[in-house]
Amino acid sequence: MKKMFFVFAVLFVFVINLSAQGKQDVTVVNKTGVIINELHITPSDADEWGEDVLGQDALDVDQECDIAFDPKEDVCLWDLRIADSDGNAIEWEKIDLCKAVKIVLHYKDGKAWADIEE
């Protein structure tokens, strides 16, 4: 009986932890070739960029960061903006974060693109 209770307790905690994650949680990988000093993610229908999610940190080349959303957030389409230390910025629009689990950012020969892993 105690063993069965323990199994149910572990399962309950696991389910609670899964539901506590935002469905938009995503990992961003920097393959741009430059250090990212700012990373902004905002709903696609917003008029302004939100706060820099990196804070005072920077995202070095080949590094990744995990971005967690409030579990109550229900918006799926988001825009992403990065900037380097000189203020050069690149933007990606209408990324479906309800489907994406990883966004790999690239920049080469003046062209920027993102590989979206679902």
C-alpha atoms as a PDB file:
ATOM      1  CA  MET A   1       0.000   0.000   0.000  1.00  0.00           C
ATOM      2  CA  LYS A   2       2.796   2.421   0.893  1.00  0.00           C
ATOM      3  CA  LYS A   3       4.557   1.586  -2.365  1.00  0.00           C
ATOM      4  CA  MET A   4       1.422   2.337  -4.396  1.00  0.00           C
ATOM      5  CA  PHE A   5       0.894   5.617  -2.530  1.00  0.00           C
ATOM      6  CA  PHE A   6       4.510   6.597  -3.263  1.00  0.00           C
ATOM      7  CA  VAL A   7       4.074   5.845  -6.986  1.00  0.00           C
ATOM      8  CA  PHE A   8       0.911   7.967  -7.130  1.00  0.00           C
ATOM      9  CA  ALA A   9       2.607  10.785  -5.208  1.00  0.00           C
ATOM     10  CA  VAL A  10       5.560  10.819  -7.629  1.00  0.00           C
ATOM     11  CA  LEU A  11       3.208  10.744 -10.616  1.00  0.00           C
ATOM     12  CA  PHE A  12       1.158  13.612  -9.163  1.00  0.00           C
ATOM     13  CA  VAL A  13       4.272  15.768  -8.646  1.00  0.00           C
ATOM     14  CA  PHE A  14       5.426  14.977 -12.184  1.00  0.00           C
ATOM     15  CA  VAL A  15       2.076  16.036 -13.673  1.00  0.00           C
ATOM     16  CA  ILE A  16       2.031  19.227 -11.584  1.00  0.00           C
ATOM     17  CA  ASN A  17       5.552  20.109 -12.782  1.00  0.00           C
ATOM     18  CA  LEU A  18       4.575  19.551 -16.392  1.00  0.00           C
ATOM     19  CA  SER A  19       1.549  21.772 -16.068  1.00  0.00           C
ATOM     20  CA  ALA A  20       3.637  24.500 -14.375  1.00  0.00           C
ATOM     21  CA  GLN A  21       5.682  25.028 -17.512  1.00  0.00           C
ATOM     22  CA  GLY A  22       4.565  27.562 -20.058  1.00  0.00           C
ATOM     23  CA  LYS A  23       3.608  26.030 -23.382  1.00  0.00           C
ATOM     24  CA  GLN A  24       5.806  28.689 -24.999  1.00  0.00           C
ATOM     25  CA  ASP A  25       8.982  27.702 -23.116  1.00  0.00           C
ATOM     26  CA  VAL A  26      11.804  27.632 -25.645  1.00  0.00           C
ATOM     27  CA  THR A  27      15.570  27.283 -25.954  1.00  0.00           C
ATOM     28  CA  VAL A  28      17.395  29.889 -28.067  1.00  0.00           C
ATOM     29  CA  VAL A  29      20.748  28.912 -29.590  1.00  0.00           C
ATOM     30  CA  ASN A  30      23.198  31.542 -30.860  1.00  0.00           C
ATOM     31  CA  LYS A  31      24.791  30.466 -34.149  1.00  0.00           C
ATOM     32  CA  THR A  32      24.992  34.035 -35.488  1.00  0.00           C
ATOM     33  CA  GLY A  33      28.749  34.401 -35.184  1.00  0.00           C
ATOM     34  CA  VAL A  34      28.415  37.413 -32.849  1.00  0.00           C
ATOM     35  CA  ILE A  35      27.773  37.836 -29.152  1.00  0.00           C
ATOM     36  CA  ILE A  36      24.128  38.655 -28.468  1.00  0.00           C
ATOM     37  CA  ASN A  37      23.883  41.427 -25.879  1.00  0.00           C
ATOM     38  CA  GLU A  38      20.106  41.812 -25.962  1.00  0.00           C
ATOM     39  CA  LEU A  39      17.320  39.334 -26.578  1.00  0.00           C
ATOM     40  CA  HIS A  40      13.728  40.542 -26.654  1.00  0.00           C
ATOM     41  CA  ILE A  41      10.654  38.371 -27.133  1.00  0.00           C
ATOM     42  CA  THR A  42       7.254  39.988 -27.358  1.00  0.00           C
ATOM     43  CA  PRO A  43       3.799  38.962 -28.609  1.00  0.00           C
ATOM     44  CA  SER A  44       3.513  39.591 -32.360  1.00  0.00           C
ATOM     45  CA  ASP A  45       0.584  41.973 -31.883  1.00  0.00           C
ATOM     46  CA  ALA A  46       2.493  44.189 -29.390  1.00  0.00           C
ATOM     47  CA  ASP A  47       3.578  47.701 -30.367  1.00  0.00           C
ATOM     48  CA  GLU A  48       6.805  47.759 -28.341  1.00  0.00           C
ATOM     49  CA  TRP A  49       9.587  45.362 -27.445  1.00  0.00           C
ATOM     50  CA  GLY A  50       9.563  43.988 -23.928  1.00  0.00           C
ATOM     51  CA  GLU A  51      12.498  43.811 -21.569  1.00  0.00           C
ATOM     52  CA  ASP A  52      15.804  42.199 -22.501  1.00  0.00           C
ATOM     53  CA  VAL A  53      15.390  38.612 -21.256  1.00  0.00           C
ATOM     54  CA  LEU A  54      19.161  38.230 -20.924  1.00  0.00           C
ATOM     55  CA  GLY A  55      19.302  41.014 -18.343  1.00  0.00           C
ATOM     56  CA  GLN A  56      22.941  41.992 -17.859  1.00  0.00           C
ATOM     57  CA  ASP A  57      24.171  38.721 -19.367  1.00  0.00           C
ATOM     58  CA  ALA A  58      25.183  38.097 -22.963  1.00  0.00           C
ATOM     59  CA  LEU A  59      24.702  35.038 -25.139  1.00  0.00           C
ATOM     60  CA  ASP A  60      28.048  34.040 -26.591  1.00  0.00           C
ATOM     61  CA  VAL A  61      28.454  32.279 -29.930  1.00  0.00           C
ATOM     62  CA  ASP A  62      27.338  28.630 -29.740  1.00  0.00           C
ATOM     63  CA  GLN A  63      25.713  29.168 -26.338  1.00  0.00           C
ATOM     64  CA  GLU A  64      22.044  28.627 -25.622  1.00  0.00           C
ATOM     65  CA  CYS A  65      19.564  29.954 -23.114  1.00  0.00           C
ATOM     66  CA  ASP A  66      16.228  28.660 -21.908  1.00  0.00           C
ATOM     67  CA  ILE A  67      13.323  31.082 -21.821  1.00  0.00           C
ATOM     68  CA  ALA A  68      10.428  30.219 -19.536  1.00  0.00           C
ATOM     69  CA  PHE A  69       6.941  31.685 -19.815  1.00  0.00           C
ATOM     70  CA  ASP A  70       4.176  32.031 -17.281  1.00  0.00           C
ATOM     71  CA  PRO A  71       1.963  28.923 -17.467  1.00  0.00           C
ATOM     72  CA  LYS A  72      -1.074  31.226 -17.808  1.00  0.00           C
ATOM     73  CA  GLU A  73       0.299  32.844 -20.994  1.00  0.00           C
ATOM     74  CA  ASP A  74      -1.928  31.908 -23.937  1.00  0.00           C
ATOM     75  CA  VAL A  75      -0.360  33.820 -26.849  1.00  0.00           C
ATOM     76  CA  CYS A  76       1.354  31.568 -29.416  1.00  0.00           C
ATOM     77  CA  LEU A  77       2.805  34.001 -32.005  1.00  0.00           C
ATOM     78  CA  TRP A  78       5.860  35.930 -30.812  1.00  0.00           C
ATOM     79  CA  ASP A  79       8.480  38.204 -32.351  1.00  0.00           C
ATOM     80  CA  LEU A  80      12.141  37.923 -31.426  1.00  0.00           C
ATOM     81  CA  ARG A  81      14.804  40.637 -31.593  1.00  0.00           C
ATOM     82  CA  ILE A  82      18.522  40.360 -30.914  1.00  0.00           C
ATOM     83  CA  ALA A  83      21.164  43.089 -30.740  1.00  0.00           C
ATOM     84  CA  ASP A  84      24.947  43.051 -30.486  1.00  0.00           C
ATOM     85  CA  SER A  85      27.119  45.443 -28.458  1.00  0.00           C
ATOM     86  CA  ASP A  86      27.106  47.987 -31.319  1.00  0.00           C
ATOM     87  CA  GLY A  87      23.309  48.070 -31.381  1.00  0.00           C
ATOM     88  CA  ASN A  88      23.005  46.152 -34.662  1.00  0.00           C
ATOM     89  CA  ALA A  89      19.690  44.328 -34.497  1.00  0.00           C
ATOM     90  CA  ILE A  90      17.962  41.449 -36.258  1.00  0.00           C
ATOM     91  CA  GLU A  91      14.282  40.597 -35.909  1.00  0.00           C
ATOM     92  CA  TRP A  92      12.214  37.491 -36.568  1.00  0.00           C
ATOM     93  CA  GLU A  93       8.422  37.715 -36.702  1.00  0.00           C
ATOM     94  CA  LYS A  94       5.492  35.445 -35.929  1.00  0.00           C
ATOM     95  CA  ILE A  95       7.326  32.496 -34.397  1.00  0.00           C
ATOM     96  CA  ASP A  96       4.806  29.992 -33.052  1.00  0.00           C
ATOM     97  CA  LEU A  97       6.191  29.311 -29.592  1.00  0.00           C
ATOM     98  CA  CYS A  98       3.347  26.920 -28.815  1.00  0.00           C
ATOM     99  CA  LYS A  99       5.003  24.544 -31.300  1.00  0.00           C
ATOM    100  CA  ALA A 100       8.685  25.520 -31.122  1.00  0.00           C
ATOM    101  CA  VAL A 101      10.960  23.961 -28.532  1.00  0.00           C
ATOM    102  CA  LYS A 102      14.247  25.289 -29.918  1.00  0.00           C
ATOM    103  CA  ILE A 103      15.154  28.298 -32.064  1.00  0.00           C
ATOM    104  CA  VAL A 104      18.615  28.259 -33.643  1.00  0.00           C
ATOM    105  CA  LEU A 105      19.584  31.757 -34.815  1.00  0.00           C
ATOM    106  CA  HIS A 106      21.938  32.136 -37.789  1.00  0.00           C
ATOM    107  CA  TYR A 107      23.586  35.053 -39.576  1.00  0.00           C
ATOM    108  CA  LYS A 108      25.974  34.814 -42.515  1.00  0.00           C
ATOM    109  CA  ASP A 109      26.869  37.013 -45.483  1.00  0.00           C
ATOM    110  CA  GLY A 110      24.310  39.628 -44.496  1.00  0.00           C
ATOM    111  CA  LYS A 111      21.437  37.149 -44.217  1.00  0.00           C
ATOM    112  CA  ALA A 112      19.680  36.116 -41.028  1.00  0.00           C
ATOM    113  CA  TRP A 113      17.516  33.044 -40.550  1.00  0.00           C
ATOM    114  CA  ALA A 114      16.230  30.856 -37.765  1.00  0.00           C
ATOM    115  CA  ASP A 115      15.819  27.098 -37.681  1.00  0.00           C
ATOM    116  CA  ILE A 116      12.735  26.273 -35.641  1.00  0.00           C
ATOM    117  CA  GLU A 117      12.639  22.849 -34.012  1.00  0.00           C
ATOM    118  CA  GLU A 118       9.223  21.592 -32.948  1.00  0.00           C
END
